[in-house]
């Protein structure tokens, strides 16, 4: 199973090249960059990371589809893939509704935006001439002058039931956001496969899972990451619904991230993060793989120095365990 590391969007872009070289030197398989608003662009960041490394696969996860004209997105991706063959993994997603409204890119049907964008970009990268008039994408006899020899697989970063089915229909892979439990990974894979069957697809579909990562037996950082996500108020997916009442009670008692983090039972860290000793981290990654994950991307600490230290230590103690 490929093991990747994320370059967090809250770290400045000028530090990315050194981090990419470190990740490659340590023996990780992939580096993933992020396009959250309004930090750094995924295409330019991906190009910077690929240019200073030789074998590292670079994931772009994810580009909000509503931001991207599909012809321009295909041009950018074709350039990257031609410069760095077999090393680019693009991802598209819905984007956050508040951000889309900020830039005037909101749309009444996010599903239509994602479906039409992914379909058009896949066709253009395959060298096709595309004419379409959808609810969002409108192209007339558009073809790339320099399509890649081998189009990259395109993933979608989605969460909900309808979006997961759509990913199975139109995409080559799916990216699940952090705090994905093994139960949720299994459930998501089932929804993806429903979409694949509906579309008559029999090709492979890569399921990439992001995971909060802390190589420290105290696991306090992972607790804070999980607590922050719970305080955001995002509903748990159906497979984790058994925790709803317990989480509601915890939230009533906790007034801030630190209080909630201290109150979280250990099993929450086991369920929603890759954290702890080498044995604990390997067990968590193994559980994600057994549930249907094809690749795991570790999200290190937001503290750049701590992230470097833990990624380095994990390369020495965790990667051999996973590969042995």
Protein backbone atom coordinates (compact mmCIF):
# COMPACT_ATOMS: atom_id res chain seq x y z
CA UNK A 1 0.00 0.00 0.00
CA UNK A 2 1.43 3.43 -0.91
CA UNK A 3 2.04 5.68 2.08
CA UNK A 4 1.99 9.41 1.44
CA UNK A 5 2.55 12.57 3.44
CA UNK A 6 0.57 15.78 3.12
CA UNK A 7 2.14 19.22 2.90
CA UNK A 8 -0.38 21.14 4.95
CA UNK A 9 -1.91 24.22 3.35
CA UNK A 10 -1.20 26.34 6.42
CA UNK A 11 2.54 26.03 5.80
CA UNK A 12 4.08 28.63 3.45
CA UNK A 13 4.73 27.53 -0.14
CA UNK A 14 8.41 28.52 -0.08
CA UNK A 15 9.06 25.66 2.38
CA UNK A 16 7.48 23.05 0.10
CA UNK A 17 10.55 22.13 -2.03
CA UNK A 18 12.67 21.23 1.00
CA UNK A 19 9.82 19.24 2.51
CA UNK A 20 9.25 17.36 -0.76
CA UNK A 21 12.92 16.42 -0.98
CA UNK A 22 12.83 15.21 2.63
CA UNK A 23 9.73 13.07 2.05
CA UNK A 24 11.34 11.44 -0.97
CA UNK A 25 14.65 10.87 0.78
CA UNK A 26 12.89 9.22 3.73
CA UNK A 27 11.29 6.66 1.43
CA UNK A 28 7.62 7.69 1.37
CA UNK A 29 5.72 6.95 -1.84
CA UNK A 30 3.67 10.10 -2.29
CA UNK A 31 3.43 13.78 -1.38
CA UNK A 32 0.03 15.47 -1.44
CA UNK A 33 -0.55 19.21 -1.75
CA UNK A 34 -3.79 20.98 -0.88
CA UNK A 35 -5.89 23.66 -2.58
CA UNK A 36 -7.86 25.13 0.30
CA UNK A 37 -8.97 28.74 -0.09
CA UNK A 38 -7.11 30.97 0.07
CA UNK A 39 -3.73 29.40 0.62
CA UNK A 40 -1.81 28.04 -2.39
CA UNK A 41 -2.73 26.66 -5.81
CA UNK A 42 -2.47 22.90 -6.17
CA UNK A 43 -1.14 22.91 -9.73
CA UNK A 44 1.71 25.33 -9.05
CA UNK A 45 2.51 23.62 -5.75
CA UNK A 46 2.46 20.22 -7.44
CA UNK A 47 4.81 21.44 -10.14
CA UNK A 48 7.23 22.83 -7.54
CA UNK A 49 7.25 19.55 -5.62
CA UNK A 50 7.66 17.38 -8.71
CA UNK A 51 10.49 19.53 -10.07
CA UNK A 52 12.72 18.98 -7.03
CA UNK A 53 12.08 15.23 -6.71
CA UNK A 54 12.69 12.26 -8.98
CA UNK A 55 10.37 9.40 -8.10
CA UNK A 56 7.81 10.83 -5.66
CA UNK A 57 4.19 10.68 -6.79
CA UNK A 58 2.50 14.07 -6.36
CA UNK A 59 -1.18 14.21 -5.43
CA UNK A 60 -3.29 17.31 -6.01
CA UNK A 61 -6.00 17.03 -3.46
CA UNK A 62 -8.28 18.62 -4.12
CA UNK A 63 -9.11 21.28 -6.70
CA UNK A 64 -12.65 22.71 -6.28
CA UNK A 65 -14.38 21.89 -9.55
CA UNK A 66 -16.42 25.11 -9.55
CA UNK A 67 -13.18 27.17 -9.54
CA UNK A 68 -11.77 25.46 -12.60
CA UNK A 69 -12.76 25.83 -16.22
CA UNK A 70 -12.28 22.23 -17.39
CA UNK A 71 -10.34 23.23 -20.52
CA UNK A 72 -7.86 25.25 -18.46
CA UNK A 73 -7.65 22.50 -15.84
CA UNK A 74 -6.94 19.94 -18.55
CA UNK A 75 -4.23 22.16 -20.06
CA UNK A 76 -2.53 22.54 -16.68
CA UNK A 77 -2.73 18.84 -15.88
CA UNK A 78 -1.53 17.81 -19.34
CA UNK A 79 1.53 20.02 -18.88
CA UNK A 80 2.29 18.48 -15.48
CA UNK A 81 1.83 14.92 -16.73
CA UNK A 82 4.00 15.45 -19.79
CA UNK A 83 6.75 16.97 -17.67
CA UNK A 84 6.45 14.34 -14.92
CA UNK A 85 4.99 11.16 -16.47
CA UNK A 86 3.25 8.68 -14.17
CA UNK A 87 3.81 10.91 -11.13
CA UNK A 88 0.71 13.12 -10.98
CA UNK A 89 -2.57 12.20 -9.24
CA UNK A 90 -5.17 14.96 -9.77
CA UNK A 91 -8.23 15.33 -7.58
CA UNK A 92 -11.37 17.43 -7.89
CA UNK A 93 -14.06 18.10 -5.30
CA UNK A 94 -17.08 20.21 -4.47
CA UNK A 95 -15.17 22.80 -2.46
CA UNK A 96 -16.52 24.47 0.68
CA UNK A 97 -19.80 26.29 0.14
CA UNK A 98 -18.74 29.43 2.02
CA UNK A 99 -15.56 29.76 -0.05
CA UNK A 100 -17.44 29.27 -3.30
CA UNK A 101 -19.86 32.04 -2.37
CA UNK A 102 -16.94 34.33 -1.52
CA UNK A 103 -15.63 34.12 -5.08
CA UNK A 104 -18.96 33.93 -6.87
CA UNK A 105 -18.50 30.31 -7.92
CA UNK A 106 -21.42 28.74 -6.05
CA UNK A 107 -23.85 26.66 -8.10
CA UNK A 108 -27.30 25.22 -7.31
CA UNK A 109 -26.11 21.69 -8.18
CA UNK A 110 -22.63 20.81 -6.87
CA UNK A 111 -23.14 17.25 -8.13
CA UNK A 112 -23.66 18.49 -11.70
CA UNK A 113 -20.55 20.70 -11.46
CA UNK A 114 -18.39 17.79 -10.32
CA UNK A 115 -19.85 15.29 -12.78
CA UNK A 116 -19.46 17.58 -15.79
CA UNK A 117 -16.00 18.84 -14.83
CA UNK A 118 -14.51 15.40 -14.23
CA UNK A 119 -16.07 13.97 -17.39
CA UNK A 120 -14.78 16.84 -19.54
CA UNK A 121 -11.26 16.84 -18.07
CA UNK A 122 -10.95 13.05 -18.43
CA UNK A 123 -12.03 13.25 -22.07
CA UNK A 124 -9.67 16.11 -22.88
CA UNK A 125 -6.71 14.37 -21.25
CA UNK A 126 -7.53 11.28 -23.29
CA UNK A 127 -7.04 13.34 -26.45
CA UNK A 128 -10.72 13.63 -27.35
CA UNK A 129 -12.41 16.61 -28.96
CA UNK A 130 -15.14 17.68 -26.57
CA UNK A 131 -18.41 19.43 -27.28
CA UNK A 132 -20.88 19.64 -24.42
CA UNK A 133 -23.54 21.99 -23.07
CA UNK A 134 -24.30 21.03 -19.50
CA UNK A 135 -25.60 22.87 -16.50
CA UNK A 136 -22.08 24.06 -15.69
CA UNK A 137 -19.62 22.99 -18.40
CA UNK A 138 -19.97 24.37 -21.92
CA UNK A 139 -17.33 23.45 -24.49
CA UNK A 140 -17.42 23.64 -28.27
CA UNK A 141 -14.96 21.51 -30.28
CA UNK A 142 -12.24 21.77 -27.62
CA UNK A 143 -9.16 19.56 -27.92
CA UNK A 144 -5.74 19.75 -26.31
CA UNK A 145 -2.80 20.42 -28.59
CA UNK A 146 -0.49 18.48 -26.25
CA UNK A 147 -2.47 15.76 -24.47
CA UNK A 148 -0.40 13.38 -22.33
CA UNK A 149 0.60 10.01 -23.75
CA UNK A 150 -0.94 8.30 -20.72
CA UNK A 151 -3.78 10.25 -19.04
CA UNK A 152 -3.58 10.33 -15.23
CA UNK A 153 -6.30 8.77 -13.10
CA UNK A 154 -8.61 11.45 -11.74
CA UNK A 155 -10.02 11.18 -8.24
CA UNK A 156 -12.80 13.05 -6.51
CA UNK A 157 -12.59 14.20 -2.92
CA UNK A 158 -16.12 13.61 -1.63
CA UNK A 159 -17.93 12.53 1.54
CA UNK A 160 -21.67 12.00 1.17
CA UNK A 161 -23.66 9.08 -0.20
CA UNK A 162 -24.69 10.67 -3.51
CA UNK A 163 -21.23 12.08 -4.14
CA UNK A 164 -19.56 8.75 -3.44
CA UNK A 165 -21.84 7.03 -5.97
CA UNK A 166 -21.03 9.77 -8.47
CA UNK A 167 -17.32 9.19 -7.89
CA UNK A 168 -17.77 5.53 -8.72
CA UNK A 169 -19.55 6.50 -11.93
CA UNK A 170 -17.27 9.16 -13.36
CA UNK A 171 -13.90 9.11 -11.57
CA UNK A 172 -10.91 6.77 -11.39
CA UNK A 173 -10.50 7.13 -7.64
CA UNK A 174 -11.89 8.69 -4.48
CA UNK A 175 -10.18 10.68 -1.72
CA UNK A 176 -11.65 10.49 1.77
CA UNK A 177 -10.94 13.37 4.13
CA UNK A 178 -9.27 13.05 7.53
CA UNK A 179 -11.08 11.35 10.42
CA UNK A 180 -12.26 8.53 8.15
CA UNK A 181 -12.81 5.50 10.37
CA UNK A 182 -12.41 1.96 9.01
CA UNK A 183 -16.20 1.58 9.21
CA UNK A 184 -16.66 4.71 7.10
CA UNK A 185 -14.03 3.56 4.58
CA UNK A 186 -15.91 0.28 4.17
CA UNK A 187 -19.24 2.07 3.79
CA UNK A 188 -17.76 4.55 1.30
CA UNK A 189 -16.30 1.73 -0.80
CA UNK A 190 -19.75 0.14 -0.96
CA UNK A 191 -21.34 3.38 -2.18
CA UNK A 192 -18.55 3.85 -4.75
CA UNK A 193 -19.07 0.32 -6.03
CA UNK A 194 -22.79 0.99 -6.41
CA UNK A 195 -21.95 3.86 -8.73
CA UNK A 196 -19.45 1.76 -10.64
CA UNK A 197 -22.01 -0.98 -11.20
CA UNK A 198 -24.59 1.55 -12.38
CA UNK A 199 -22.08 2.89 -14.92
CA UNK A 200 -20.94 -0.59 -15.97
CA UNK A 201 -17.35 0.13 -14.94
CA UNK A 202 -14.97 -2.76 -14.37
CA UNK A 203 -11.67 -0.85 -14.25
CA UNK A 204 -9.78 -0.20 -11.02
CA UNK A 205 -10.80 2.54 -8.61
CA UNK A 206 -8.24 3.80 -6.12
CA UNK A 207 -9.46 4.76 -2.65
CA UNK A 208 -7.08 7.22 -0.95
CA UNK A 209 -7.60 8.00 2.73
CA UNK A 210 -6.23 11.06 4.52
CA UNK A 211 -5.40 10.46 8.19
CA UNK A 212 -4.32 12.73 11.02
CA UNK A 213 -0.86 11.48 12.00
CA UNK A 214 1.08 11.75 15.22
CA UNK A 215 4.14 9.60 15.88
CA UNK A 216 4.02 10.06 19.63
CA UNK A 217 2.61 7.72 22.24
CA UNK A 218 1.02 10.66 24.10
CA UNK A 219 -1.30 11.21 21.08
CA UNK A 220 -2.30 14.65 22.38
CA UNK A 221 -1.98 16.30 18.98
CA UNK A 222 -4.26 13.74 17.35
CA UNK A 223 -6.80 14.31 20.11
CA UNK A 224 -6.81 18.04 19.37
CA UNK A 225 -7.24 17.45 15.63
CA UNK A 226 -10.22 15.14 16.24
CA UNK A 227 -11.72 17.50 18.80
CA UNK A 228 -11.45 20.42 16.39
CA UNK A 229 -13.27 18.49 13.71
CA UNK A 230 -16.06 17.48 16.12
CA UNK A 231 -16.46 21.08 17.27
CA UNK A 232 -16.90 22.16 13.64
CA UNK A 233 -20.29 20.49 13.83
CA UNK A 234 -19.96 18.32 10.75
CA UNK A 235 -22.34 15.36 11.00
CA UNK A 236 -20.83 11.92 11.33
CA UNK A 237 -21.39 9.57 8.38
CA UNK A 238 -23.86 6.70 8.97
CA UNK A 239 -21.24 4.09 9.96
CA UNK A 240 -20.10 6.26 12.87
CA UNK A 241 -23.62 7.15 13.96
CA UNK A 242 -23.26 4.96 17.02
CA UNK A 243 -21.14 7.74 18.55
CA UNK A 244 -23.70 10.53 18.02
CA UNK A 245 -25.22 10.51 21.51
CA UNK A 246 -21.86 10.17 23.19
CA UNK A 247 -20.37 13.01 21.15
CA UNK A 248 -23.39 15.22 21.86
CA UNK A 249 -22.86 14.69 25.57
CA UNK A 250 -19.13 15.41 25.30
CA UNK A 251 -19.79 18.61 23.37
CA UNK A 252 -22.18 19.84 26.06
CA UNK A 253 -19.43 19.49 28.66
CA UNK A 254 -16.53 20.83 26.57
CA UNK A 255 -16.27 24.53 25.86
CA UNK A 256 -13.18 24.44 23.69
CA UNK A 257 -10.83 22.19 21.76
CA UNK A 258 -8.50 21.52 24.69
CA UNK A 259 -11.35 20.47 27.00
CA UNK A 260 -12.89 18.18 24.41
CA UNK A 261 -9.51 16.70 23.49
CA UNK A 262 -8.86 15.81 27.13
CA UNK A 263 -12.30 14.20 27.44
CA UNK A 264 -12.09 12.02 24.32
CA UNK A 265 -11.86 8.29 25.04
CA UNK A 266 -8.78 6.51 23.67
CA UNK A 267 -10.91 4.55 21.24
CA UNK A 268 -11.67 7.79 19.37
CA UNK A 269 -7.99 8.19 18.55
CA UNK A 270 -7.81 4.54 17.45
CA UNK A 271 -10.84 5.06 15.24
CA UNK A 272 -10.17 8.44 13.65
CA UNK A 273 -6.38 8.85 13.43
CA UNK A 274 -3.04 7.16 12.82
CA UNK A 275 -1.33 8.00 16.08
CA UNK A 276 0.89 6.62 18.79
CA UNK A 277 3.73 4.11 18.66
CA UNK A 278 4.93 2.36 15.51
CA UNK A 279 2.77 -0.61 16.48
CA UNK A 280 -0.33 1.54 17.02
CA UNK A 281 0.19 3.46 13.77
CA UNK A 282 0.77 0.27 11.78
CA UNK A 283 -2.38 -1.23 13.28
CA UNK A 284 -4.44 1.83 12.31
CA UNK A 285 -3.12 1.82 8.75
CA UNK A 286 -3.72 -1.91 8.51
CA UNK A 287 -7.33 -1.44 9.62
CA UNK A 288 -7.88 1.19 6.92
CA UNK A 289 -6.39 -1.15 4.34
CA UNK A 290 -8.55 -4.05 5.47
CA UNK A 291 -11.60 -1.79 5.17
CA UNK A 292 -10.82 -1.00 1.52
CA UNK A 293 -8.24 1.79 1.44
CA UNK A 294 -5.68 1.49 -1.35
CA UNK A 295 -3.41 4.29 -0.08
CA UNK A 296 -3.04 6.28 3.14
CA UNK A 297 -1.83 9.89 3.27
CA UNK A 298 -0.49 11.00 6.66
CA UNK A 299 -1.36 14.53 7.77
CA UNK A 300 1.43 15.58 10.15
CA UNK A 301 1.38 18.24 12.83
CA UNK A 302 0.66 21.85 11.91
CA UNK A 303 3.95 22.70 13.66
CA UNK A 304 6.51 22.47 10.81
CA UNK A 305 9.41 21.40 13.03
CA UNK A 306 7.36 18.76 14.80
CA UNK A 307 6.04 17.52 11.47
CA UNK A 308 9.58 17.04 10.13
CA UNK A 309 10.69 15.26 13.30
CA UNK A 310 7.77 12.85 13.39
CA UNK A 311 7.79 12.10 9.66
CA UNK A 312 11.52 11.35 9.97
CA UNK A 313 11.11 9.09 13.00
CA UNK A 314 8.22 7.26 11.37
CA UNK A 315 10.29 6.59 8.26
CA UNK A 316 12.79 4.75 10.43
CA UNK A 317 10.36 2.82 12.64
CA UNK A 318 6.98 2.67 10.90
CA UNK A 319 7.69 2.27 7.17
CA UNK A 320 9.80 -0.91 7.60
CA UNK A 321 7.02 -2.40 9.73
CA UNK A 322 4.42 -1.65 7.06
CA UNK A 323 6.56 -3.04 4.25
CA UNK A 324 8.02 -5.99 6.09
